[in-house]
């Protein structure tokens, strides 16, 4: 209920004042909250990303989101690799074996494409490579760089939404026709 566009709209002034008053600490808190949300797979990453653009602007928000998402997804990756391997291997073993061939040849490329083109849920792309033997460094690098483009687009949407509200207008789909979005 608290992570909605309506809640952001209602609390924009207070949130912006808090961000301005706390500067770097606000960015660090946002990054930590984002990492926590991803690491425990709370739905709402898209809203959190848009909120980042809304609060911090597209550039700083992109950095915060990419760092937070990479940290959070790495926690999921490591938990899947070391804590849940037997359980998930028993459930999805045959499917994972088929996927393993491609991943093992070019793990960074596969992961990069899966992060760049979000065809599957973020949490799933965090778990599967853990069972396929992808190295931690390949996972982190592909995740870090693969999520930058979409993250930047969503933070631009948040920044644009904030600009629309600052002009006293309501949020609607017409904002995507503004030059900053195009």
N, C-alpha and C. Protein backbone atom coordinates (compact mmCIF):
# COMPACT_ATOMS: atom_id res chain seq x y z
N UNK A 1 0.80 -1.20 0.00
CA UNK A 1 0.00 0.00 0.00
C UNK A 1 0.85 1.27 0.00
N UNK A 2 2.07 1.16 0.53
CA UNK A 2 2.92 2.34 0.62
C UNK A 2 3.78 2.54 -0.62
N UNK A 3 3.97 1.48 -1.39
CA UNK A 3 4.82 1.57 -2.57
C UNK A 3 3.93 1.63 -3.80
N UNK A 4 3.26 2.76 -3.97
CA UNK A 4 2.40 2.99 -5.12
C UNK A 4 2.70 4.38 -5.67
N UNK A 5 2.32 4.59 -6.92
CA UNK A 5 2.50 5.92 -7.50
C UNK A 5 1.64 6.95 -6.78
N UNK A 6 0.47 6.53 -6.34
CA UNK A 6 -0.41 7.45 -5.61
C UNK A 6 0.23 7.89 -4.29
N UNK A 7 0.85 6.94 -3.58
CA UNK A 7 1.54 7.29 -2.33
C UNK A 7 2.70 8.24 -2.59
N UNK A 8 3.43 8.01 -3.67
CA UNK A 8 4.53 8.92 -4.02
C UNK A 8 4.01 10.31 -4.33
N UNK A 9 2.91 10.35 -5.06
CA UNK A 9 2.31 11.64 -5.41
C UNK A 9 1.90 12.41 -4.16
N UNK A 10 1.26 11.72 -3.23
CA UNK A 10 0.78 12.36 -2.01
C UNK A 10 1.91 12.84 -1.11
N UNK A 11 3.03 12.16 -1.16
CA UNK A 11 4.14 12.46 -0.24
C UNK A 11 5.34 13.09 -0.93
N UNK A 12 5.17 13.55 -2.16
CA UNK A 12 6.30 14.07 -2.94
C UNK A 12 7.07 15.16 -2.21
N UNK A 13 6.38 16.14 -1.72
CA UNK A 13 7.06 17.28 -1.09
C UNK A 13 7.86 16.83 0.12
N UNK A 14 7.26 16.05 0.99
CA UNK A 14 7.95 15.58 2.20
C UNK A 14 9.15 14.71 1.83
N UNK A 15 8.97 13.85 0.86
CA UNK A 15 10.08 12.97 0.44
C UNK A 15 11.23 13.78 -0.16
N UNK A 16 10.90 14.73 -1.02
CA UNK A 16 11.95 15.56 -1.64
C UNK A 16 12.69 16.38 -0.58
N UNK A 17 11.97 16.89 0.40
CA UNK A 17 12.61 17.64 1.47
C UNK A 17 13.55 16.74 2.27
N UNK A 18 13.11 15.51 2.53
CA UNK A 18 13.95 14.56 3.27
C UNK A 18 15.21 14.23 2.47
N UNK A 19 15.05 14.01 1.18
CA UNK A 19 16.20 13.70 0.32
C UNK A 19 17.17 14.89 0.30
N UNK A 20 16.65 16.08 0.18
CA UNK A 20 17.49 17.28 0.16
C UNK A 20 18.21 17.46 1.49
N UNK A 21 17.51 17.25 2.58
CA UNK A 21 18.09 17.44 3.91
C UNK A 21 19.16 16.39 4.23
N UNK A 22 19.04 15.21 3.71
CA UNK A 22 19.95 14.12 4.10
C UNK A 22 20.97 13.74 3.02
N UNK A 23 20.86 14.31 1.84
CA UNK A 23 21.85 14.15 0.79
C UNK A 23 22.31 12.72 0.54
N UNK A 24 23.60 12.47 0.75
CA UNK A 24 24.21 11.17 0.48
C UNK A 24 23.55 10.08 1.31
N UNK A 25 23.22 10.38 2.55
CA UNK A 25 22.57 9.38 3.42
C UNK A 25 21.25 8.92 2.82
N UNK A 26 20.51 9.83 2.20
CA UNK A 26 19.25 9.45 1.56
C UNK A 26 19.48 8.47 0.43
N UNK A 27 20.50 8.71 -0.37
CA UNK A 27 20.85 7.80 -1.45
C UNK A 27 21.27 6.44 -0.94
N UNK A 28 22.03 6.43 0.14
CA UNK A 28 22.48 5.16 0.73
C UNK A 28 21.31 4.38 1.34
N UNK A 29 20.40 5.09 2.00
CA UNK A 29 19.21 4.44 2.57
C UNK A 29 18.37 3.84 1.44
N UNK A 30 18.14 4.62 0.38
CA UNK A 30 17.36 4.14 -0.75
C UNK A 30 18.02 2.90 -1.37
N UNK A 31 19.32 2.94 -1.55
CA UNK A 31 20.05 1.80 -2.12
C UNK A 31 19.91 0.57 -1.21
N UNK A 32 20.02 0.77 0.09
CA UNK A 32 19.90 -0.35 1.03
C UNK A 32 18.48 -0.92 1.02
N UNK A 33 17.47 -0.05 0.98
CA UNK A 33 16.08 -0.52 0.91
C UNK A 33 15.87 -1.30 -0.38
N UNK A 34 16.41 -0.80 -1.46
CA UNK A 34 16.27 -1.48 -2.75
C UNK A 34 16.94 -2.85 -2.70
N UNK A 35 18.14 -2.91 -2.17
CA UNK A 35 18.85 -4.19 -2.06
C UNK A 35 18.07 -5.17 -1.19
N UNK A 36 17.52 -4.70 -0.10
CA UNK A 36 16.73 -5.56 0.79
C UNK A 36 15.48 -6.07 0.08
N UNK A 37 14.79 -5.19 -0.63
CA UNK A 37 13.57 -5.59 -1.35
C UNK A 37 13.88 -6.67 -2.39
N UNK A 38 14.98 -6.51 -3.09
CA UNK A 38 15.36 -7.51 -4.10
C UNK A 38 15.82 -8.80 -3.43
N UNK A 39 16.57 -8.69 -2.36
CA UNK A 39 17.11 -9.89 -1.72
C UNK A 39 16.04 -10.75 -1.08
N UNK A 40 14.91 -10.16 -0.69
CA UNK A 40 13.82 -10.98 -0.14
C UNK A 40 12.68 -11.08 -1.14
N UNK A 41 12.95 -10.69 -2.37
CA UNK A 41 12.04 -10.84 -3.51
C UNK A 41 10.66 -10.24 -3.27
N UNK A 42 10.65 -9.03 -2.73
CA UNK A 42 9.39 -8.29 -2.57
C UNK A 42 8.99 -7.75 -3.94
N UNK A 43 7.75 -8.00 -4.35
CA UNK A 43 7.30 -7.41 -5.62
C UNK A 43 7.29 -5.88 -5.50
N UNK A 44 7.53 -5.22 -6.58
CA UNK A 44 7.48 -3.76 -6.56
C UNK A 44 8.79 -3.11 -6.99
N UNK A 45 9.70 -3.89 -7.55
CA UNK A 45 10.96 -3.32 -8.00
C UNK A 45 10.77 -2.21 -9.01
N UNK A 46 9.80 -2.38 -9.91
CA UNK A 46 9.54 -1.36 -10.91
C UNK A 46 9.09 -0.06 -10.24
N UNK A 47 8.18 -0.16 -9.28
CA UNK A 47 7.71 1.04 -8.57
C UNK A 47 8.86 1.68 -7.79
N UNK A 48 9.70 0.86 -7.16
CA UNK A 48 10.85 1.41 -6.43
C UNK A 48 11.81 2.12 -7.37
N UNK A 49 11.97 1.59 -8.58
CA UNK A 49 12.86 2.21 -9.56
C UNK A 49 12.30 3.55 -10.02
N UNK A 50 11.01 3.56 -10.34
CA UNK A 50 10.36 4.82 -10.74
C UNK A 50 10.43 5.82 -9.59
N UNK A 51 10.23 5.34 -8.37
CA UNK A 51 10.32 6.22 -7.20
C UNK A 51 11.71 6.82 -7.07
N UNK A 52 12.73 6.04 -7.39
CA UNK A 52 14.09 6.57 -7.35
C UNK A 52 14.27 7.74 -8.30
N UNK A 53 13.77 7.60 -9.52
CA UNK A 53 13.84 8.70 -10.48
C UNK A 53 13.05 9.89 -10.01
N UNK A 54 11.93 9.63 -9.40
CA UNK A 54 11.03 10.64 -8.84
C UNK A 54 11.74 11.45 -7.76
N UNK A 55 12.55 10.76 -6.93
CA UNK A 55 13.19 11.41 -5.78
C UNK A 55 14.59 11.95 -6.07
N UNK A 56 15.37 11.21 -6.87
CA UNK A 56 16.79 11.54 -7.03
C UNK A 56 17.16 12.01 -8.43
N UNK A 57 16.24 11.94 -9.37
CA UNK A 57 16.58 12.23 -10.75
C UNK A 57 17.12 10.97 -11.41
N UNK A 58 17.18 10.98 -12.74
CA UNK A 58 17.50 9.73 -13.44
C UNK A 58 18.93 9.23 -13.26
N UNK A 59 19.89 10.12 -13.11
CA UNK A 59 21.28 9.67 -13.07
C UNK A 59 21.65 9.06 -11.71
N UNK A 60 21.39 9.79 -10.65
CA UNK A 60 21.70 9.27 -9.32
C UNK A 60 20.84 8.05 -9.01
N UNK A 61 19.56 8.11 -9.39
CA UNK A 61 18.67 6.97 -9.15
C UNK A 61 19.16 5.73 -9.88
N UNK A 62 19.63 5.89 -11.11
CA UNK A 62 20.13 4.73 -11.86
C UNK A 62 21.30 4.10 -11.13
N UNK A 63 22.21 4.90 -10.64
CA UNK A 63 23.36 4.36 -9.89
C UNK A 63 22.87 3.62 -8.64
N UNK A 64 21.98 4.26 -7.89
CA UNK A 64 21.47 3.63 -6.66
C UNK A 64 20.74 2.33 -6.94
N UNK A 65 19.88 2.33 -7.95
CA UNK A 65 19.12 1.13 -8.29
C UNK A 65 20.04 0.02 -8.78
N UNK A 66 20.96 0.34 -9.65
CA UNK A 66 21.86 -0.69 -10.19
C UNK A 66 22.69 -1.30 -9.06
N UNK A 67 23.21 -0.49 -8.18
CA UNK A 67 23.99 -1.01 -7.05
C UNK A 67 23.10 -1.84 -6.13
N UNK A 68 21.94 -1.30 -5.76
CA UNK A 68 21.03 -2.01 -4.86
C UNK A 68 20.53 -3.31 -5.46
N UNK A 69 20.14 -3.28 -6.74
CA UNK A 69 19.64 -4.49 -7.40
C UNK A 69 20.73 -5.53 -7.55
N UNK A 70 21.94 -5.10 -7.84
CA UNK A 70 23.04 -6.04 -7.98
C UNK A 70 23.37 -6.69 -6.64
N UNK A 71 23.39 -5.90 -5.59
CA UNK A 71 23.65 -6.47 -4.26
C UNK A 71 22.53 -7.43 -3.86
N UNK A 72 21.29 -6.99 -4.01
CA UNK A 72 20.15 -7.82 -3.63
C UNK A 72 20.08 -9.11 -4.42
N UNK A 73 20.30 -9.03 -5.73
CA UNK A 73 20.23 -10.24 -6.55
C UNK A 73 21.41 -11.17 -6.28
N UNK A 74 22.53 -10.60 -5.89
CA UNK A 74 23.69 -11.43 -5.53
C UNK A 74 23.40 -12.21 -4.25
N UNK A 75 22.69 -11.60 -3.32
CA UNK A 75 22.27 -12.31 -2.10
C UNK A 75 21.37 -13.49 -2.48
N UNK A 76 20.42 -13.26 -3.38
CA UNK A 76 19.53 -14.33 -3.83
C UNK A 76 20.33 -15.43 -4.52
N UNK A 77 21.26 -15.03 -5.38
CA UNK A 77 22.11 -15.98 -6.10
C UNK A 77 22.89 -16.86 -5.11
N UNK A 78 23.51 -16.23 -4.12
CA UNK A 78 24.31 -16.97 -3.15
C UNK A 78 23.44 -17.86 -2.27
N UNK A 79 22.26 -17.38 -1.89
CA UNK A 79 21.34 -18.20 -1.09
C UNK A 79 20.90 -19.42 -1.90
N UNK A 80 20.60 -19.20 -3.16
CA UNK A 80 20.18 -20.31 -4.02
C UNK A 80 21.31 -21.32 -4.18
N UNK A 81 22.51 -20.82 -4.33
CA UNK A 81 23.65 -21.72 -4.54
C UNK A 81 23.98 -22.53 -3.29
N UNK A 82 23.96 -21.90 -2.14
CA UNK A 82 24.45 -22.57 -0.94
C UNK A 82 23.37 -23.06 0.02
N UNK A 83 22.19 -22.46 0.01
CA UNK A 83 21.18 -22.85 0.99
C UNK A 83 20.05 -23.70 0.41
N UNK A 84 19.72 -23.48 -0.85
CA UNK A 84 18.55 -24.14 -1.42
C UNK A 84 18.85 -25.06 -2.59
N UNK A 85 20.10 -25.36 -2.83
CA UNK A 85 20.50 -26.13 -4.00
C UNK A 85 19.79 -27.48 -4.06
N UNK A 86 19.84 -28.26 -3.01
CA UNK A 86 19.26 -29.60 -3.04
C UNK A 86 17.76 -29.56 -3.29
N UNK A 87 17.08 -28.68 -2.60
CA UNK A 87 15.63 -28.56 -2.74
C UNK A 87 15.23 -28.20 -4.17
N UNK A 88 15.85 -27.15 -4.71
CA UNK A 88 15.47 -26.70 -6.04
C UNK A 88 15.98 -27.63 -7.13
N UNK A 89 17.10 -28.26 -6.91
CA UNK A 89 17.62 -29.23 -7.88
C UNK A 89 16.65 -30.41 -7.99
N UNK A 90 16.09 -30.84 -6.88
CA UNK A 90 15.12 -31.94 -6.89
C UNK A 90 13.85 -31.53 -7.64
N UNK A 91 13.44 -30.28 -7.51
CA UNK A 91 12.20 -29.82 -8.16
C UNK A 91 12.38 -29.57 -9.65
N UNK A 92 13.50 -28.97 -10.02
CA UNK A 92 13.68 -28.52 -11.40
C UNK A 92 14.89 -29.12 -12.09
N UNK A 93 15.41 -30.22 -11.60
CA UNK A 93 16.65 -30.79 -12.10
C UNK A 93 16.70 -30.99 -13.60
N UNK A 94 15.68 -31.60 -14.20
CA UNK A 94 15.72 -31.88 -15.64
C UNK A 94 15.70 -30.61 -16.46
N UNK A 95 14.91 -29.63 -16.04
CA UNK A 95 14.85 -28.36 -16.75
C UNK A 95 16.19 -27.64 -16.67
N UNK A 96 16.80 -27.66 -15.49
CA UNK A 96 18.09 -26.99 -15.29
C UNK A 96 19.19 -27.65 -16.11
N UNK A 97 19.14 -28.95 -16.25
CA UNK A 97 20.16 -29.65 -17.04
C UNK A 97 20.14 -29.19 -18.50
N UNK A 98 18.95 -28.99 -19.04
CA UNK A 98 18.83 -28.54 -20.43
C UNK A 98 19.36 -27.12 -20.59
N UNK A 99 19.08 -26.28 -19.63
CA UNK A 99 19.53 -24.89 -19.70
C UNK A 99 21.04 -24.78 -19.48
N UNK A 100 21.59 -25.72 -18.74
CA UNK A 100 22.99 -25.65 -18.37
C UNK A 100 23.96 -25.63 -19.52
N UNK A 101 23.64 -26.32 -20.60
CA UNK A 101 24.55 -26.39 -21.74
C UNK A 101 24.87 -25.01 -22.29
N UNK A 102 23.84 -24.22 -22.54
CA UNK A 102 24.06 -22.87 -23.07
C UNK A 102 24.74 -21.95 -22.09
N UNK A 103 24.32 -22.02 -20.85
CA UNK A 103 24.92 -21.17 -19.82
C UNK A 103 26.39 -21.47 -19.65
N UNK A 104 26.76 -22.71 -19.67
CA UNK A 104 28.15 -23.09 -19.42
C UNK A 104 29.09 -22.66 -20.53
N UNK A 105 28.58 -22.53 -21.76
CA UNK A 105 29.42 -22.07 -22.86
C UNK A 105 29.70 -20.57 -22.78
N UNK A 106 28.68 -19.80 -22.52
CA UNK A 106 28.79 -18.34 -22.53
C UNK A 106 27.96 -17.74 -21.39
N UNK A 107 28.36 -17.95 -20.15
CA UNK A 107 27.51 -17.51 -19.03
C UNK A 107 27.26 -16.01 -18.99
N UNK A 108 28.29 -15.21 -19.25
CA UNK A 108 28.08 -13.75 -19.20
C UNK A 108 27.12 -13.30 -20.28
N UNK A 109 27.25 -13.86 -21.47
CA UNK A 109 26.37 -13.47 -22.58
C UNK A 109 24.92 -13.85 -22.28
N UNK A 110 24.69 -15.06 -21.82
CA UNK A 110 23.34 -15.49 -21.49
C UNK A 110 22.73 -14.60 -20.41
N UNK A 111 23.48 -14.38 -19.36
CA UNK A 111 22.96 -13.56 -18.26
C UNK A 111 22.73 -12.12 -18.69
N UNK A 112 23.66 -11.60 -19.47
CA UNK A 112 23.52 -10.23 -19.93
C UNK A 112 22.22 -10.06 -20.72
N UNK A 113 21.95 -10.98 -21.63
CA UNK A 113 20.73 -10.92 -22.44
C UNK A 113 19.50 -11.08 -21.55
N UNK A 114 19.54 -12.01 -20.60
CA UNK A 114 18.40 -12.20 -19.70
C UNK A 114 18.14 -10.97 -18.85
N UNK A 115 19.17 -10.25 -18.48
CA UNK A 115 18.99 -9.01 -17.71
C UNK A 115 18.58 -7.85 -18.61
N UNK A 116 19.14 -7.81 -19.80
CA UNK A 116 18.86 -6.72 -20.73
C UNK A 116 17.42 -6.79 -21.24
N UNK A 117 16.97 -7.98 -21.57
CA UNK A 117 15.61 -8.19 -22.08
C UNK A 117 14.84 -8.93 -21.00
N UNK A 118 14.07 -8.21 -20.20
CA UNK A 118 13.44 -8.84 -19.04
C UNK A 118 12.26 -9.76 -19.40
N UNK A 119 12.59 -10.92 -19.96
CA UNK A 119 11.57 -11.90 -20.34
C UNK A 119 11.09 -12.72 -19.15
N UNK A 120 11.94 -12.86 -18.15
CA UNK A 120 11.64 -13.67 -16.98
C UNK A 120 11.72 -12.81 -15.73
N UNK A 121 11.03 -13.21 -14.67
CA UNK A 121 11.09 -12.43 -13.43
C UNK A 121 12.54 -12.28 -12.93
N UNK A 122 12.81 -11.13 -12.36
CA UNK A 122 14.16 -10.81 -11.88
C UNK A 122 14.68 -11.87 -10.92
N UNK A 123 13.82 -12.33 -10.00
CA UNK A 123 14.24 -13.31 -9.00
C UNK A 123 14.60 -14.64 -9.66
N UNK A 124 13.89 -15.00 -10.73
CA UNK A 124 14.18 -16.26 -11.40
C UNK A 124 15.55 -16.23 -12.07
N UNK A 125 15.86 -15.09 -12.68
CA UNK A 125 17.16 -14.93 -13.33
C UNK A 125 18.28 -14.84 -12.29
N UNK A 126 17.92 -14.59 -11.05
CA UNK A 126 18.91 -14.59 -9.97
C UNK A 126 19.16 -16.00 -9.46
N UNK A 127 18.16 -16.86 -9.54
CA UNK A 127 18.26 -18.20 -8.97
C UNK A 127 18.87 -19.22 -9.93
N UNK A 128 18.38 -19.24 -11.15
CA UNK A 128 18.77 -20.29 -12.10
C UNK A 128 20.29 -20.36 -12.32
N UNK A 129 20.98 -19.25 -12.54
CA UNK A 129 22.42 -19.36 -12.76
C UNK A 129 23.18 -19.99 -11.58
N UNK A 130 22.62 -19.85 -10.39
CA UNK A 130 23.27 -20.44 -9.21
C UNK A 130 23.33 -21.96 -9.31
N UNK A 131 22.34 -22.56 -9.94
CA UNK A 131 22.30 -24.01 -10.08
C UNK A 131 23.04 -24.51 -11.30
N UNK A 132 23.40 -23.59 -12.18
CA UNK A 132 24.05 -23.99 -13.41
C UNK A 132 25.56 -23.82 -13.36
N UNK A 133 26.07 -23.48 -12.19
CA UNK A 133 27.51 -23.38 -12.03
C UNK A 133 28.12 -22.08 -12.53
N UNK A 134 27.32 -21.06 -12.75
CA UNK A 134 27.84 -19.77 -13.19
C UNK A 134 28.67 -19.18 -12.06
N UNK A 135 29.83 -18.65 -12.39
CA UNK A 135 30.69 -18.08 -11.35
C UNK A 135 30.08 -16.79 -10.80
N UNK A 136 30.41 -16.50 -9.57
CA UNK A 136 29.90 -15.29 -8.93
C UNK A 136 30.31 -14.05 -9.71
N UNK A 137 31.56 -14.00 -10.17
CA UNK A 137 32.02 -12.80 -10.90
C UNK A 137 31.26 -12.63 -12.22
N UNK A 138 31.01 -13.71 -12.95
CA UNK A 138 30.24 -13.61 -14.20
C UNK A 138 28.83 -13.13 -13.91
N UNK A 139 28.26 -13.66 -12.85
CA UNK A 139 26.90 -13.29 -12.47
C UNK A 139 26.81 -11.80 -12.15
N UNK A 140 27.71 -11.32 -11.31
CA UNK A 140 27.68 -9.92 -10.88
C UNK A 140 27.91 -8.98 -12.06
N UNK A 141 28.89 -9.28 -12.90
CA UNK A 141 29.20 -8.41 -14.04
C UNK A 141 28.02 -8.35 -15.01
N UNK A 142 27.44 -9.50 -15.35
CA UNK A 142 26.33 -9.53 -16.30
C UNK A 142 25.10 -8.83 -15.72
N UNK A 143 24.86 -9.02 -14.44
CA UNK A 143 23.72 -8.35 -13.80
C UNK A 143 23.93 -6.85 -13.77
N UNK A 144 25.09 -6.44 -13.31
CA UNK A 144 25.40 -5.01 -13.19
C UNK A 144 25.20 -4.27 -14.51
N UNK A 145 25.79 -4.78 -15.57
CA UNK A 145 25.71 -4.08 -16.86
C UNK A 145 24.39 -4.35 -17.59
N UNK A 146 23.81 -5.51 -17.38
CA UNK A 146 22.58 -5.86 -18.07
C UNK A 146 21.36 -5.07 -17.63
N UNK A 147 21.36 -4.60 -16.40
CA UNK A 147 20.17 -3.89 -15.90
C UNK A 147 20.25 -2.37 -16.09
N UNK A 148 21.37 -1.87 -16.52
CA UNK A 148 21.52 -0.41 -16.67
C UNK A 148 20.51 0.20 -17.64
N UNK A 149 20.34 -0.30 -18.87
CA UNK A 149 19.44 0.38 -19.81
C UNK A 149 17.99 0.49 -19.31
N UNK A 150 17.40 -0.62 -18.88
CA UNK A 150 16.01 -0.58 -18.42
C UNK A 150 15.88 0.28 -17.16
N UNK A 151 16.87 0.19 -16.29
CA UNK A 151 16.84 1.00 -15.07
C UNK A 151 16.82 2.48 -15.42
N UNK A 152 17.66 2.88 -16.34
CA UNK A 152 17.72 4.29 -16.73
C UNK A 152 16.37 4.74 -17.31
N UNK A 153 15.75 3.91 -18.12
CA UNK A 153 14.45 4.27 -18.70
C UNK A 153 13.41 4.45 -17.60
N UNK A 154 13.37 3.53 -16.65
CA UNK A 154 12.36 3.63 -15.57
C UNK A 154 12.64 4.82 -14.65
N UNK A 155 13.90 5.14 -14.41
CA UNK A 155 14.18 6.31 -13.59
C UNK A 155 13.83 7.60 -14.34
N UNK A 156 13.97 7.58 -15.66
CA UNK A 156 13.51 8.73 -16.46
C UNK A 156 12.00 8.92 -16.33
N UNK A 157 11.28 7.82 -16.31
CA UNK A 157 9.83 7.90 -16.13
C UNK A 157 9.51 8.54 -14.78
N UNK A 158 10.20 8.10 -13.73
CA UNK A 158 9.99 8.68 -12.40
C UNK A 158 10.34 10.15 -12.36
N UNK A 159 11.44 10.53 -12.98
CA UNK A 159 11.83 11.93 -13.03
C UNK A 159 10.79 12.76 -13.79
N UNK A 160 10.31 12.22 -14.89
CA UNK A 160 9.28 12.91 -15.68
C UNK A 160 7.98 13.04 -14.92
N UNK A 161 7.63 12.00 -14.17
CA UNK A 161 6.41 12.06 -13.36
C UNK A 161 6.53 13.16 -12.31
N UNK A 162 7.70 13.26 -11.72
CA UNK A 162 7.93 14.33 -10.74
C UNK A 162 7.82 15.70 -11.37
N UNK A 163 8.35 15.86 -12.58
CA UNK A 163 8.26 17.14 -13.28
C UNK A 163 6.81 17.49 -13.60
N UNK A 164 6.02 16.50 -13.98
CA UNK A 164 4.60 16.73 -14.26
C UNK A 164 3.88 17.19 -13.00
N UNK A 165 4.16 16.53 -11.88
CA UNK A 165 3.53 16.92 -10.61
C UNK A 165 3.97 18.30 -10.17
N UNK A 166 5.25 18.63 -10.41
CA UNK A 166 5.74 19.96 -10.05
C UNK A 166 5.02 21.06 -10.82
N UNK A 167 4.54 20.74 -12.01
CA UNK A 167 3.78 21.72 -12.81
C UNK A 167 2.31 21.76 -12.41
N UNK A 168 1.94 20.92 -11.43
CA UNK A 168 0.56 20.90 -10.96
C UNK A 168 -0.37 20.07 -11.82
N UNK A 169 0.17 19.25 -12.69
CA UNK A 169 -0.65 18.41 -13.55
C UNK A 169 -0.81 17.02 -12.93
N UNK A 170 -1.80 16.29 -13.44
CA UNK A 170 -2.01 14.91 -12.99
C UNK A 170 -1.17 13.96 -13.83
N UNK A 171 -0.84 12.82 -13.23
CA UNK A 171 -0.11 11.80 -13.96
C UNK A 171 -1.06 11.03 -14.86
N UNK A 172 -0.68 10.90 -16.12
CA UNK A 172 -1.40 10.04 -17.05
C UNK A 172 -0.42 9.60 -18.14
N UNK A 173 -0.89 8.77 -19.04
CA UNK A 173 0.01 8.23 -20.05
C UNK A 173 0.49 9.25 -21.07
N UNK A 174 -0.08 10.43 -21.10
CA UNK A 174 0.37 11.44 -22.06
C UNK A 174 1.79 11.91 -21.79
N UNK A 175 2.29 11.68 -20.57
CA UNK A 175 3.66 12.14 -20.27
C UNK A 175 4.70 11.41 -21.10
N UNK A 176 4.37 10.21 -21.62
CA UNK A 176 5.37 9.49 -22.41
C UNK A 176 5.60 10.15 -23.77
N UNK A 177 4.75 11.13 -24.14
CA UNK A 177 4.94 11.83 -25.39
C UNK A 177 5.80 13.09 -25.24
N UNK A 178 6.22 13.37 -24.01
CA UNK A 178 7.07 14.52 -23.80
C UNK A 178 8.47 14.23 -24.34
N UNK A 179 9.17 15.27 -24.80
CA UNK A 179 10.50 15.07 -25.40
C UNK A 179 11.49 14.31 -24.49
N UNK A 180 11.44 14.52 -23.18
CA UNK A 180 12.39 13.84 -22.29
C UNK A 180 12.22 12.33 -22.33
N UNK A 181 11.01 11.83 -22.57
CA UNK A 181 10.78 10.39 -22.65
C UNK A 181 11.13 9.84 -24.03
N UNK A 182 10.78 10.60 -25.05
CA UNK A 182 11.05 10.14 -26.40
C UNK A 182 12.56 10.09 -26.62
